[in-house]
């Protein structure tokens, strides 16, 4: 079955128009022979043009082109690329597969292109948030466990067995800053003249 008949048969069944991703078919010379409406909306109608010229304005096949690899060995490939031509930059996931004639000969390849720009931006934000949280956690000092407190003078025993004032201990083992003042009972006890 000639390539154009195969494509016409596929298109007539609406297989590629119903897919939510951009789909194109390139012949073995990398000439675009079909684009669905989604592909045309993203990069324009380039049927009849070489894909590398139309999409990335290159003079030859793109480096590490997944379609080129698929056309060589027939294996399905998936790659992630950023198109430098489209503004704003578009990050896409490309899945390629071979189209074969009835004898099994590779006669073309399909590219299914999914826009993953938003997902990649969210992943970057998530990675940054995780890094920021990890840095914040490493900087935070926390008080945990039992604190041995003297019932009389209210000093705290540290891990090395030394007794220290509560305010010193809290300052060393947390991010808290201690200020001093008097509660109403202590103020009445130590400064009774303030309450006449």
Protein backbone atom coordinates (compact mmCIF):
# COMPACT_ATOMS: atom_id res chain seq x y z
CA UNK A 1 0.00 0.00 0.00
CA UNK A 2 1.58 3.35 -1.00
CA UNK A 3 2.28 5.85 1.79
CA UNK A 4 -0.37 8.34 0.69
CA UNK A 5 -3.04 5.61 0.59
CA UNK A 6 -2.04 4.46 4.09
CA UNK A 7 -2.21 8.00 5.44
CA UNK A 8 -5.52 8.68 3.71
CA UNK A 9 -6.91 5.48 5.27
CA UNK A 10 -5.69 6.46 8.76
CA UNK A 11 -6.96 10.03 8.42
CA UNK A 12 -10.31 8.95 7.02
CA UNK A 13 -10.89 6.94 10.17
CA UNK A 14 -10.21 10.04 12.29
CA UNK A 15 -7.60 8.26 14.39
CA UNK A 16 -5.23 11.23 14.75
CA UNK A 17 -7.81 14.01 14.92
CA UNK A 18 -9.32 12.54 18.08
CA UNK A 19 -6.01 12.55 19.94
CA UNK A 20 -5.54 15.56 22.21
CA UNK A 21 -1.86 15.82 21.29
CA UNK A 22 -0.15 17.11 18.16
CA UNK A 23 0.40 14.30 15.63
CA UNK A 24 2.39 14.34 12.42
CA UNK A 25 3.62 11.76 9.95
CA UNK A 26 6.98 12.14 8.18
CA UNK A 27 8.24 10.03 5.32
CA UNK A 28 11.69 8.43 5.44
CA UNK A 29 13.19 11.66 4.07
CA UNK A 30 11.69 13.60 7.03
CA UNK A 31 9.14 15.35 4.83
CA UNK A 32 5.89 16.08 6.66
CA UNK A 33 3.07 14.26 4.89
CA UNK A 34 0.35 14.78 7.51
CA UNK A 35 -0.42 16.97 10.54
CA UNK A 36 -3.53 16.86 12.70
CA UNK A 37 -5.29 20.09 13.64
CA UNK A 38 -3.49 20.27 17.01
CA UNK A 39 -0.07 20.11 15.30
CA UNK A 40 -1.10 22.84 12.87
CA UNK A 41 -2.30 25.02 15.75
CA UNK A 42 1.07 24.76 17.51
CA UNK A 43 3.57 25.08 14.64
CA UNK A 44 1.47 25.92 11.60
CA UNK A 45 0.66 23.89 8.48
CA UNK A 46 3.94 22.52 7.11
CA UNK A 47 2.79 19.56 5.03
CA UNK A 48 5.32 18.97 2.25
CA UNK A 49 8.21 20.58 4.14
CA UNK A 50 11.11 18.91 5.91
CA UNK A 51 10.29 18.69 9.62
CA UNK A 52 13.70 19.94 10.79
CA UNK A 53 13.37 23.07 8.63
CA UNK A 54 9.74 23.74 9.45
CA UNK A 55 9.92 23.14 13.21
CA UNK A 56 13.42 24.13 14.27
CA UNK A 57 14.67 26.08 11.21
CA UNK A 58 17.63 23.71 10.75
CA UNK A 59 19.38 22.61 7.59
CA UNK A 60 19.56 18.96 8.61
CA UNK A 61 18.04 16.38 10.91
CA UNK A 62 18.03 17.45 14.57
CA UNK A 63 20.66 15.99 16.88
CA UNK A 64 19.34 12.93 18.74
CA UNK A 65 16.12 13.05 16.72
CA UNK A 66 13.84 10.29 18.08
CA UNK A 67 12.14 9.94 14.68
CA UNK A 68 15.50 9.34 12.96
CA UNK A 69 16.24 6.53 15.42
CA UNK A 70 12.76 5.05 14.91
CA UNK A 71 13.14 5.14 11.13
CA UNK A 72 16.44 3.25 11.49
CA UNK A 73 15.30 0.38 13.69
CA UNK A 74 11.51 0.62 14.02
CA UNK A 75 11.60 0.96 17.81
CA UNK A 76 9.26 3.32 19.65
CA UNK A 77 11.16 6.25 21.15
CA UNK A 78 10.23 8.96 23.65
CA UNK A 79 12.26 12.12 24.11
CA UNK A 80 11.88 15.49 25.75
CA UNK A 81 12.88 18.61 23.87
CA UNK A 82 12.61 22.35 24.14
CA UNK A 83 11.82 24.11 20.89
CA UNK A 84 14.07 27.18 20.61
CA UNK A 85 11.99 28.75 17.81
CA UNK A 86 8.56 28.96 19.45
CA UNK A 87 8.03 31.91 21.78
CA UNK A 88 7.39 31.47 24.64
CA UNK A 89 9.62 28.39 24.75
CA UNK A 90 7.74 25.12 24.54
CA UNK A 91 8.88 21.94 26.28
CA UNK A 92 7.47 18.85 24.59
CA UNK A 93 7.53 15.11 25.04
CA UNK A 94 7.84 13.40 21.65
CA UNK A 95 6.89 9.76 21.09
CA UNK A 96 7.78 8.29 17.72
CA UNK A 97 6.77 5.04 16.07
CA UNK A 98 7.25 3.46 12.65
CA UNK A 99 4.60 3.04 9.96
CA UNK A 100 5.18 -0.07 7.86
CA UNK A 101 3.81 -1.31 4.57
CA UNK A 102 2.23 -4.79 4.35
CA UNK A 103 5.65 -6.37 3.79
CA UNK A 104 6.98 -4.86 7.03
CA UNK A 105 9.15 -2.21 5.38
CA UNK A 106 9.30 1.11 7.27
CA UNK A 107 7.76 3.74 5.00
CA UNK A 108 7.18 6.60 7.45
CA UNK A 109 7.13 7.55 11.10
CA UNK A 110 4.62 9.19 13.39
CA UNK A 111 5.36 11.76 16.03
CA UNK A 112 2.97 12.36 18.89
CA UNK A 113 3.96 15.62 20.56
CA UNK A 114 2.64 16.51 24.01
CA UNK A 115 3.11 19.94 25.51
CA UNK A 116 4.66 19.37 28.96
CA UNK A 117 5.75 22.98 29.60
CA UNK A 118 3.37 23.54 32.52
CA UNK A 119 4.26 20.19 34.08
CA UNK A 120 7.99 20.90 33.79
CA UNK A 121 7.56 24.35 35.35
CA UNK A 122 5.59 22.82 38.24
CA UNK A 123 8.32 20.18 38.67
CA UNK A 124 10.97 22.93 38.86
CA UNK A 125 8.89 24.86 41.40
CA UNK A 126 8.39 21.67 43.43
CA UNK A 127 12.14 20.91 43.36
CA UNK A 128 12.92 24.46 44.49
CA UNK A 129 10.34 24.23 47.27
CA UNK A 130 11.81 20.92 48.44
CA UNK A 131 15.33 22.42 48.44
CA UNK A 132 14.10 25.49 50.34
CA UNK A 133 12.28 23.32 52.90
CA UNK A 134 15.31 21.09 53.35
CA UNK A 135 17.50 24.15 53.96
CA UNK A 136 14.96 25.58 56.39
CA UNK A 137 14.71 22.28 58.28
CA UNK A 138 18.47 21.98 58.57
CA UNK A 139 18.61 25.51 60.00
CA UNK A 140 15.86 24.97 62.56
CA UNK A 141 16.85 23.91 66.03
CA UNK A 142 14.13 22.11 67.92
CA UNK A 143 13.60 21.12 71.51
CA UNK A 144 12.56 17.47 71.87
CA UNK A 145 12.21 14.85 74.51
CA UNK A 146 12.33 15.24 78.28
CA UNK A 147 13.99 18.31 79.80
CA UNK A 148 15.48 17.68 83.25
CA UNK A 149 14.39 20.78 85.22
CA UNK A 150 15.43 21.53 88.79
CA UNK A 151 12.29 21.70 90.97
CA UNK A 152 13.82 24.45 93.09
CA UNK A 153 15.95 26.83 90.98
CA UNK A 154 14.42 25.87 87.60
CA UNK A 155 17.77 25.28 85.88
CA UNK A 156 17.90 22.71 83.08
CA UNK A 157 20.49 19.94 82.78
CA UNK A 158 21.96 19.72 79.24
CA UNK A 159 23.15 16.58 77.42
CA UNK A 160 26.61 16.89 79.00
CA UNK A 161 25.24 17.03 82.53
CA UNK A 162 25.75 20.75 83.10
CA UNK A 163 23.01 22.84 84.70
CA UNK A 164 22.12 26.10 83.02
CA UNK A 165 19.49 28.80 83.21
CA UNK A 166 16.31 28.05 81.25
CA UNK A 167 16.75 31.12 79.00
CA UNK A 168 20.31 30.08 78.07
CA UNK A 169 19.20 26.53 77.28
CA UNK A 170 16.29 27.65 75.09
CA UNK A 171 18.53 30.11 73.20
CA UNK A 172 21.09 27.37 72.48
CA UNK A 173 18.56 24.73 71.43
CA UNK A 174 16.01 26.72 69.45
CA UNK A 175 15.55 29.73 67.23
CA UNK A 176 13.66 31.52 70.01
CA UNK A 177 15.00 34.80 71.36
CA UNK A 178 14.41 35.33 75.06
CA UNK A 179 13.28 38.64 76.55
CA UNK A 180 12.93 39.28 80.25
CA UNK A 181 10.08 40.73 82.23
CA UNK A 182 8.01 39.94 85.31
CA UNK A 183 4.74 38.17 85.58
CA UNK A 184 2.15 40.04 87.73
CA UNK A 185 2.77 37.83 90.80
CA UNK A 186 6.56 38.31 90.73
CA UNK A 187 6.26 42.00 90.04
CA UNK A 188 4.02 42.40 93.15
CA UNK A 189 6.48 40.31 95.19
CA UNK A 190 9.69 42.10 94.08
CA UNK A 191 8.33 45.60 93.49
CA UNK A 192 5.51 46.10 95.98
CA UNK A 193 5.95 49.89 95.82
CA UNK A 194 4.60 49.84 92.24
CA UNK A 195 1.21 48.69 93.58
CA UNK A 196 0.39 51.29 96.31
